[in-house]
Structure formats: structure tokens, C-alpha cells
Amino acid sequence: MADEIRAEMVANVWKVVAATGDTIAEGDTLVILESMKMEIPVIAESGGTLAQLAVNEGDVVQEGDLIAVIE
């Protein structure tokens, strides 16, 4: 079953840490968001393979936007 990771707030994608095809463990950081001068890591809630990375560095995400899919 695929696990969709979605943005919890409006933020800028400051840094992309993982790449499509990477093996992900629960707790791994996928991307780092920046909002109001704070860095917010987006953490995988389950392990698997990163099937899709829907953001790039410099993108702006809105609350609920898809960030990644882990299968």
C-alpha cells in the first residue's frame, strides 16, 4: 500500500534529501521545508521505496500538497 506524504503547512522546499528510487526507512528525512525562517524536516512515517518525489528545491507547497509517495 502506498503512503502519501503531504505538506502540513505553506512552506518553501529548502532542500531535497531523498531521490526517487531510494530505499526509505521509517524516520528518514525526505525533504526540508522552510517557513518563517524555521527549517521543518518532512519525515517518512513508514519504510519502503520512494516511488514519487513531487517537489523540487525552491518550490512552494500549500497545505495538503503532495510531497512524496512511498511504496
PDB file of N, CA and C in Angstrom:
ATOM      1  N   MET A   1       0.841  -1.184   0.000  1.00  0.00           N
ATOM      2  CA  MET A   1       0.000   0.000   0.000  1.00  0.00           C
ATOM      3  C   MET A   1       0.882   1.241   0.000  1.00  0.00           C
ATOM      4  N   ALA A   2       0.566   2.201  -0.823  1.00  0.00           N
ATOM      5  CA  ALA A   2       1.356   3.425  -0.935  1.00  0.00           C
ATOM      6  C   ALA A   2       1.041   4.380   0.217  1.00  0.00           C
ATOM      7  N   ASP A   3       2.072   5.061   0.688  1.00  0.00           N
ATOM      8  CA  ASP A   3       1.945   6.045   1.759  1.00  0.00           C
ATOM      9  C   ASP A   3       2.223   7.414   1.154  1.00  0.00           C
ATOM     10  N   GLU A   4       1.206   8.272   1.118  1.00  0.00           N
ATOM     11  CA  GLU A   4       1.376   9.618   0.577  1.00  0.00           C
ATOM     12  C   GLU A   4       1.809  10.565   1.687  1.00  0.00           C
ATOM     13  N   ILE A   5       2.866  11.320   1.414  1.00  0.00           N
ATOM     14  CA  ILE A   5       3.350  12.336   2.350  1.00  0.00           C
ATOM     15  C   ILE A   5       2.871  13.687   1.818  1.00  0.00           C
ATOM     16  N   ARG A   6       2.141  14.418   2.636  1.00  0.00           N
ATOM     17  CA  ARG A   6       1.582  15.704   2.207  1.00  0.00           C
ATOM     18  C   ARG A   6       2.060  16.836   3.118  1.00  0.00           C
ATOM     19  N   ALA A   7       2.094  18.032   2.562  1.00  0.00           N
ATOM     20  CA  ALA A   7       2.529  19.215   3.314  1.00  0.00           C
ATOM     21  C   ALA A   7       1.517  19.536   4.407  1.00  0.00           C
ATOM     22  N   GLU A   8       2.021  19.883   5.572  1.00  0.00           N
ATOM     23  CA  GLU A   8       1.150  20.240   6.691  1.00  0.00           C
ATOM     24  C   GLU A   8       0.957  21.749   6.815  1.00  0.00           C
ATOM     25  N   MET A   9       1.712  22.510   5.994  1.00  0.00           N
ATOM     26  CA  MET A   9       1.630  23.970   6.060  1.00  0.00           C
ATOM     27  C   MET A   9       2.155  24.555   4.757  1.00  0.00           C
ATOM     28  N   VAL A  10       1.934  25.843   4.562  1.00  0.00           N
ATOM     29  CA  VAL A  10       2.521  26.553   3.434  1.00  0.00           C
ATOM     30  C   VAL A  10       3.993  26.759   3.743  1.00  0.00           C
ATOM     31  N   ALA A  11       4.862  26.371   2.804  1.00  0.00           N
ATOM     32  CA  ALA A  11       6.306  26.480   3.042  1.00  0.00           C
ATOM     33  C   ALA A  11       7.058  26.419   1.721  1.00  0.00           C
ATOM     34  N   ASN A  12       8.320  26.802   1.786  1.00  0.00           N
ATOM     35  CA  ASN A  12       9.230  26.648   0.649  1.00  0.00           C
ATOM     36  C   ASN A  12       9.993  25.345   0.814  1.00  0.00           C
ATOM     37  N   VAL A  13      10.255  24.661  -0.310  1.00  0.00           N
ATOM     38  CA  VAL A  13      11.088  23.464  -0.268  1.00  0.00           C
ATOM     39  C   VAL A  13      12.529  23.951  -0.268  1.00  0.00           C
ATOM     40  N   TRP A  14      13.176  23.853   0.887  1.00  0.00           N
ATOM     41  CA  TRP A  14      14.534  24.363   1.039  1.00  0.00           C
ATOM     42  C   TRP A  14      15.558  23.382   0.503  1.00  0.00           C
ATOM     43  N   LYS A  15      15.394  22.086   0.839  1.00  0.00           N
ATOM     44  CA  LYS A  15      16.369  21.090   0.414  1.00  0.00           C
ATOM     45  C   LYS A  15      15.685  19.746   0.200  1.00  0.00           C
ATOM     46  N   VAL A  16      16.018  19.089  -0.911  1.00  0.00           N
ATOM     47  CA  VAL A  16      15.538  17.740  -1.185  1.00  0.00           C
ATOM     48  C   VAL A  16      16.650  16.780  -0.760  1.00  0.00           C
ATOM     49  N   VAL A  17      16.335  15.866   0.151  1.00  0.00           N
ATOM     50  CA  VAL A  17      17.330  14.957   0.716  1.00  0.00           C
ATOM     51  C   VAL A  17      17.303  13.594   0.026  1.00  0.00           C
ATOM     52  N   ALA A  18      16.113  13.106  -0.316  1.00  0.00           N
ATOM     53  CA  ALA A  18      15.954  11.779  -0.918  1.00  0.00           C
ATOM     54  C   ALA A  18      15.670  11.904  -2.413  1.00  0.00           C
ATOM     55  N   ALA A  19      15.849  10.802  -3.134  1.00  0.00           N
ATOM     56  CA  ALA A  19      15.593  10.776  -4.574  1.00  0.00           C
ATOM     57  C   ALA A  19      14.680   9.605  -4.913  1.00  0.00           C
ATOM     58  N   THR A  20      13.935   9.747  -5.993  1.00  0.00           N
ATOM     59  CA  THR A  20      13.073   8.672  -6.460  1.00  0.00           C
ATOM     60  C   THR A  20      13.887   7.388  -6.626  1.00  0.00           C
ATOM     61  N   GLY A  21      13.334   6.302  -6.106  1.00  0.00           N
ATOM     62  CA  GLY A  21      14.014   5.008  -6.180  1.00  0.00           C
ATOM     63  C   GLY A  21      14.810   4.658  -4.938  1.00  0.00           C
ATOM     64  N   ASP A  22      15.048   5.641  -4.068  1.00  0.00           N
ATOM     65  CA  ASP A  22      15.792   5.383  -2.830  1.00  0.00           C
ATOM     66  C   ASP A  22      14.994   4.461  -1.913  1.00  0.00           C
ATOM     67  N   THR A  23      15.718   3.628  -1.155  1.00  0.00           N
ATOM     68  CA  THR A  23      15.096   2.832  -0.107  1.00  0.00           C
ATOM     69  C   THR A  23      14.988   3.716   1.125  1.00  0.00           C
ATOM     70  N   ILE A  24      13.777   3.819   1.658  1.00  0.00           N
ATOM     71  CA  ILE A  24      13.486   4.723   2.768  1.00  0.00           C
ATOM     72  C   ILE A  24      13.136   3.897   4.002  1.00  0.00           C
ATOM     73  N   ALA A  25      13.678   4.295   5.141  1.00  0.00           N
ATOM     74  CA  ALA A  25      13.318   3.676   6.416  1.00  0.00           C
ATOM     75  C   ALA A  25      12.403   4.632   7.183  1.00  0.00           C
ATOM     76  N   GLU A  26      11.576   4.075   8.047  1.00  0.00           N
ATOM     77  CA  GLU A  26      10.724   4.908   8.886  1.00  0.00           C
ATOM     78  C   GLU A  26      11.598   5.890   9.657  1.00  0.00           C
ATOM     79  N   GLY A  27      11.244   7.171   9.623  1.00  0.00           N
ATOM     80  CA  GLY A  27      12.009   8.192  10.332  1.00  0.00           C
ATOM     81  C   GLY A  27      13.026   8.925   9.480  1.00  0.00           C
ATOM     82  N   ASP A  28      13.258   8.461   8.240  1.00  0.00           N
ATOM     83  CA  ASP A  28      14.200   9.158   7.346  1.00  0.00           C
ATOM     84  C   ASP A  28      13.635  10.509   6.933  1.00  0.00           C
ATOM     85  N   THR A  29      14.514  11.492   6.752  1.00  0.00           N
ATOM     86  CA  THR A  29      14.115  12.797   6.248  1.00  0.00           C
ATOM     87  C   THR A  29      14.062  12.737   4.728  1.00  0.00           C
ATOM     88  N   LEU A  30      12.941  13.192   4.157  1.00  0.00           N
ATOM     89  CA  LEU A  30      12.771  13.199   2.706  1.00  0.00           C
ATOM     90  C   LEU A  30      13.123  14.559   2.117  1.00  0.00           C
ATOM     91  N   VAL A  31      12.561  15.606   2.669  1.00  0.00           N
ATOM     92  CA  VAL A  31      12.858  16.977   2.254  1.00  0.00           C
ATOM     93  C   VAL A  31      12.869  17.856   3.501  1.00  0.00           C
ATOM     94  N   ILE A  32      13.431  19.044   3.351  1.00  0.00           N
ATOM     95  CA  ILE A  32      13.406  20.030   4.426  1.00  0.00           C
ATOM     96  C   ILE A  32      12.662  21.253   3.903  1.00  0.00           C
ATOM     97  N   LEU A  33      11.609  21.618   4.617  1.00  0.00           N
ATOM     98  CA  LEU A  33      10.829  22.799   4.269  1.00  0.00           C
ATOM     99  C   LEU A  33      11.312  23.981   5.086  1.00  0.00           C
ATOM    100  N   GLU A  34      11.060  25.173   4.568  1.00  0.00           N
ATOM    101  CA  GLU A  34      11.410  26.403   5.294  1.00  0.00           C
ATOM    102  C   GLU A  34      10.174  27.279   5.345  1.00  0.00           C
ATOM    103  N   SER A  35       9.828  27.694   6.556  1.00  0.00           N
ATOM    104  CA  SER A  35       8.696  28.584   6.749  1.00  0.00           C
ATOM    105  C   SER A  35       9.013  29.512   7.903  1.00  0.00           C
ATOM    106  N   MET A  36       8.877  30.805   7.683  1.00  0.00           N
ATOM    107  CA  MET A  36       9.136  31.823   8.710  1.00  0.00           C
ATOM    108  C   MET A  36      10.512  31.625   9.347  1.00  0.00           C
ATOM    109  N   LYS A  37      11.506  31.386   8.508  1.00  0.00           N
ATOM    110  CA  LYS A  37      12.913  31.218   8.907  1.00  0.00           C
ATOM    111  C   LYS A  37      13.158  29.990   9.772  1.00  0.00           C
ATOM    112  N   MET A  38      12.223  29.039   9.773  1.00  0.00           N
ATOM    113  CA  MET A  38      12.403  27.788  10.502  1.00  0.00           C
ATOM    114  C   MET A  38      12.534  26.649   9.493  1.00  0.00           C
ATOM    115  N   GLU A  39      13.429  25.715   9.771  1.00  0.00           N
ATOM    116  CA  GLU A  39      13.589  24.540   8.930  1.00  0.00           C
ATOM    117  C   GLU A  39      12.741  23.411   9.508  1.00  0.00           C
ATOM    118  N   ILE A  40      11.899  22.816   8.660  1.00  0.00           N
ATOM    119  CA  ILE A  40      10.990  21.767   9.097  1.00  0.00           C
ATOM    120  C   ILE A  40      11.259  20.505   8.281  1.00  0.00           C
ATOM    121  N   PRO A  41      11.838  19.462   8.895  1.00  0.00           N
ATOM    122  CA  PRO A  41      12.075  18.226   8.142  1.00  0.00           C
ATOM    123  C   PRO A  41      10.762  17.480   7.911  1.00  0.00           C
ATOM    124  N   VAL A  42      10.625  16.917   6.702  1.00  0.00           N
ATOM    125  CA  VAL A  42       9.488  16.059   6.381  1.00  0.00           C
ATOM    126  C   VAL A  42       9.985  14.630   6.538  1.00  0.00           C
ATOM    127  N   ILE A  43       9.413  13.914   7.483  1.00  0.00           N
ATOM    128  CA  ILE A  43       9.880  12.595   7.905  1.00  0.00           C
ATOM    129  C   ILE A  43       8.974  11.499   7.335  1.00  0.00           C
ATOM    130  N   ALA A  44       9.595  10.408   6.870  1.00  0.00           N
ATOM    131  CA  ALA A  44       8.835   9.247   6.400  1.00  0.00           C
ATOM    132  C   ALA A  44       8.189   8.554   7.596  1.00  0.00           C
ATOM    133  N   GLU A  45       6.902   8.281   7.491  1.00  0.00           N
ATOM    134  CA  GLU A  45       6.190   7.607   8.562  1.00  0.00           C
ATOM    135  C   GLU A  45       6.212   6.091   8.395  1.00  0.00           C
ATOM    136  N   SER A  46       6.691   5.631   7.247  1.00  0.00           N
ATOM    137  CA  SER A  46       6.815   4.191   7.003  1.00  0.00           C
ATOM    138  C   SER A  46       8.002   3.958   6.073  1.00  0.00           C
ATOM    139  N   GLY A  47       8.479   2.734   6.049  1.00  0.00           N
ATOM    140  CA  GLY A  47       9.588   2.388   5.186  1.00  0.00           C
ATOM    141  C   GLY A  47       9.112   1.877   3.843  1.00  0.00           C
ATOM    142  N   GLY A  48      10.035   1.807   2.889  1.00  0.00           N
ATOM    143  CA  GLY A  48       9.712   1.307   1.555  1.00  0.00           C
ATOM    144  C   GLY A  48      10.618   1.937   0.526  1.00  0.00           C
ATOM    145  N   THR A  49      10.108   2.035  -0.686  1.00  0.00           N
ATOM    146  CA  THR A  49      10.846   2.661  -1.781  1.00  0.00           C
ATOM    147  C   THR A  49      10.176   3.979  -2.130  1.00  0.00           C
ATOM    148  N   LEU A  50      10.971   5.012  -2.328  1.00  0.00           N
ATOM    149  CA  LEU A  50      10.425   6.313  -2.721  1.00  0.00           C
ATOM    150  C   LEU A  50      10.003   6.220  -4.178  1.00  0.00           C
ATOM    151  N   ALA A  51       8.690   6.079  -4.399  1.00  0.00           N
ATOM    152  CA  ALA A  51       8.143   5.877  -5.741  1.00  0.00           C
ATOM    153  C   ALA A  51       7.999   7.191  -6.500  1.00  0.00           C
ATOM    154  N   GLN A  52       7.701   8.268  -5.777  1.00  0.00           N
ATOM    155  CA  GLN A  52       7.499   9.561  -6.428  1.00  0.00           C
ATOM    156  C   GLN A  52       7.925  10.670  -5.487  1.00  0.00           C
ATOM    157  N   LEU A  53       8.663  11.621  -6.021  1.00  0.00           N
ATOM    158  CA  LEU A  53       9.006  12.844  -5.301  1.00  0.00           C
ATOM    159  C   LEU A  53       8.372  13.973  -6.096  1.00  0.00           C
ATOM    160  N   ALA A  54       7.377  14.622  -5.525  1.00  0.00           N
ATOM    161  CA  ALA A  54       6.551  15.570  -6.259  1.00  0.00           C
ATOM    162  C   ALA A  54       7.012  17.024  -6.126  1.00  0.00           C
ATOM    163  N   VAL A  55       8.136  17.268  -5.455  1.00  0.00           N
ATOM    164  CA  VAL A  55       8.617  18.639  -5.260  1.00  0.00           C
ATOM    165  C   VAL A  55      10.084  18.747  -5.656  1.00  0.00           C
ATOM    166  N   ASN A  56      10.492  19.974  -5.927  1.00  0.00           N
ATOM    167  CA  ASN A  56      11.895  20.295  -6.213  1.00  0.00           C
ATOM    168  C   ASN A  56      12.325  21.428  -5.302  1.00  0.00           C
ATOM    169  N   GLU A  57      13.636  21.562  -5.104  1.00  0.00           N
ATOM    170  CA  GLU A  57      14.140  22.676  -4.300  1.00  0.00           C
ATOM    171  C   GLU A  57      13.653  23.987  -4.901  1.00  0.00           C
ATOM    172  N   GLY A  58      13.176  24.877  -4.036  1.00  0.00           N
ATOM    173  CA  GLY A  58      12.685  26.176  -4.470  1.00  0.00           C
ATOM    174  C   GLY A  58      11.183  26.223  -4.686  1.00  0.00           C
ATOM    175  N   ASP A  59      10.521  25.060  -4.742  1.00  0.00           N
ATOM    176  CA  ASP A  59       9.067  25.041  -4.902  1.00  0.00           C
ATOM    177  C   ASP A  59       8.395  25.589  -3.654  1.00  0.00           C
ATOM    178  N   VAL A  60       7.181  26.096  -3.830  1.00  0.00           N
ATOM    179  CA  VAL A  60       6.336  26.495  -2.705  1.00  0.00           C
ATOM    180  C   VAL A  60       5.205  25.479  -2.621  1.00  0.00           C
ATOM    181  N   VAL A  61       5.017  24.901  -1.445  1.00  0.00           N
ATOM    182  CA  VAL A  61       3.926  23.943  -1.243  1.00  0.00           C
ATOM    183  C   VAL A  61       2.851  24.577  -0.380  1.00  0.00           C
ATOM    184  N   GLN A  62       1.630  24.206  -0.685  1.00  0.00           N
ATOM    185  CA  GLN A  62       0.474  24.651   0.090  1.00  0.00           C
ATOM    186  C   GLN A  62       0.056  23.513   1.009  1.00  0.00           C
ATOM    187  N   GLU A  63      -0.668  23.813   2.053  1.00  0.00           N
ATOM    188  CA  GLU A  63      -1.146  22.781   2.959  1.00  0.00           C
ATOM    189  C   GLU A  63      -1.925  21.726   2.168  1.00  0.00           C
ATOM    190  N   GLY A  64      -1.557  20.457   2.339  1.00  0.00           N
ATOM    191  CA  GLY A  64      -2.231  19.362   1.662  1.00  0.00           C
ATOM    192  C   GLY A  64      -1.596  18.938   0.346  1.00  0.00           C
ATOM    193  N   ASP A  65      -0.627  19.708  -0.167  1.00  0.00           N
ATOM    194  CA  ASP A  65       0.050  19.346  -1.413  1.00  0.00           C
ATOM    195  C   ASP A  65       0.847  18.059  -1.237  1.00  0.00           C
ATOM    196  N   LEU A  66       0.880  17.241  -2.285  1.00  0.00           N
ATOM    197  CA  LEU A  66       1.648  16.004  -2.277  1.00  0.00           C
ATOM    198  C   LEU A  66       3.135  16.323  -2.316  1.00  0.00           C
ATOM    199  N   ILE A  67       3.895  15.713  -1.409  1.00  0.00           N
ATOM    200  CA  ILE A  67       5.351  15.860  -1.399  1.00  0.00           C
ATOM    201  C   ILE A  67       6.002  14.602  -1.946  1.00  0.00           C
ATOM    202  N   ALA A  68       5.555  13.433  -1.478  1.00  0.00           N
ATOM    203  CA  ALA A  68       6.193  12.187  -1.904  1.00  0.00           C
ATOM    204  C   ALA A  68       5.230  11.018  -1.712  1.00  0.00           C
ATOM    205  N   VAL A  69       5.565   9.916  -2.421  1.00  0.00           N
ATOM    206  CA  VAL A  69       4.822   8.657  -2.278  1.00  0.00           C
ATOM    207  C   VAL A  69       5.834   7.551  -1.992  1.00  0.00           C
ATOM    208  N   ILE A  70       5.604   6.814  -0.919  1.00  0.00           N
ATOM    209  CA  ILE A  70       6.455   5.689  -0.549  1.00  0.00           C
ATOM    210  C   ILE A  70       5.651   4.408  -0.739  1.00  0.00           C
ATOM    211  N   GLU A  71       6.236   3.463  -1.463  1.00  0.00           N
ATOM    212  CA  GLU A  71       5.561   2.175  -1.678  1.00  0.00           C
ATOM    213  C   GLU A  71       6.283   1.073  -0.956  1.00  0.00           C
TER     214      GLU A  71
END
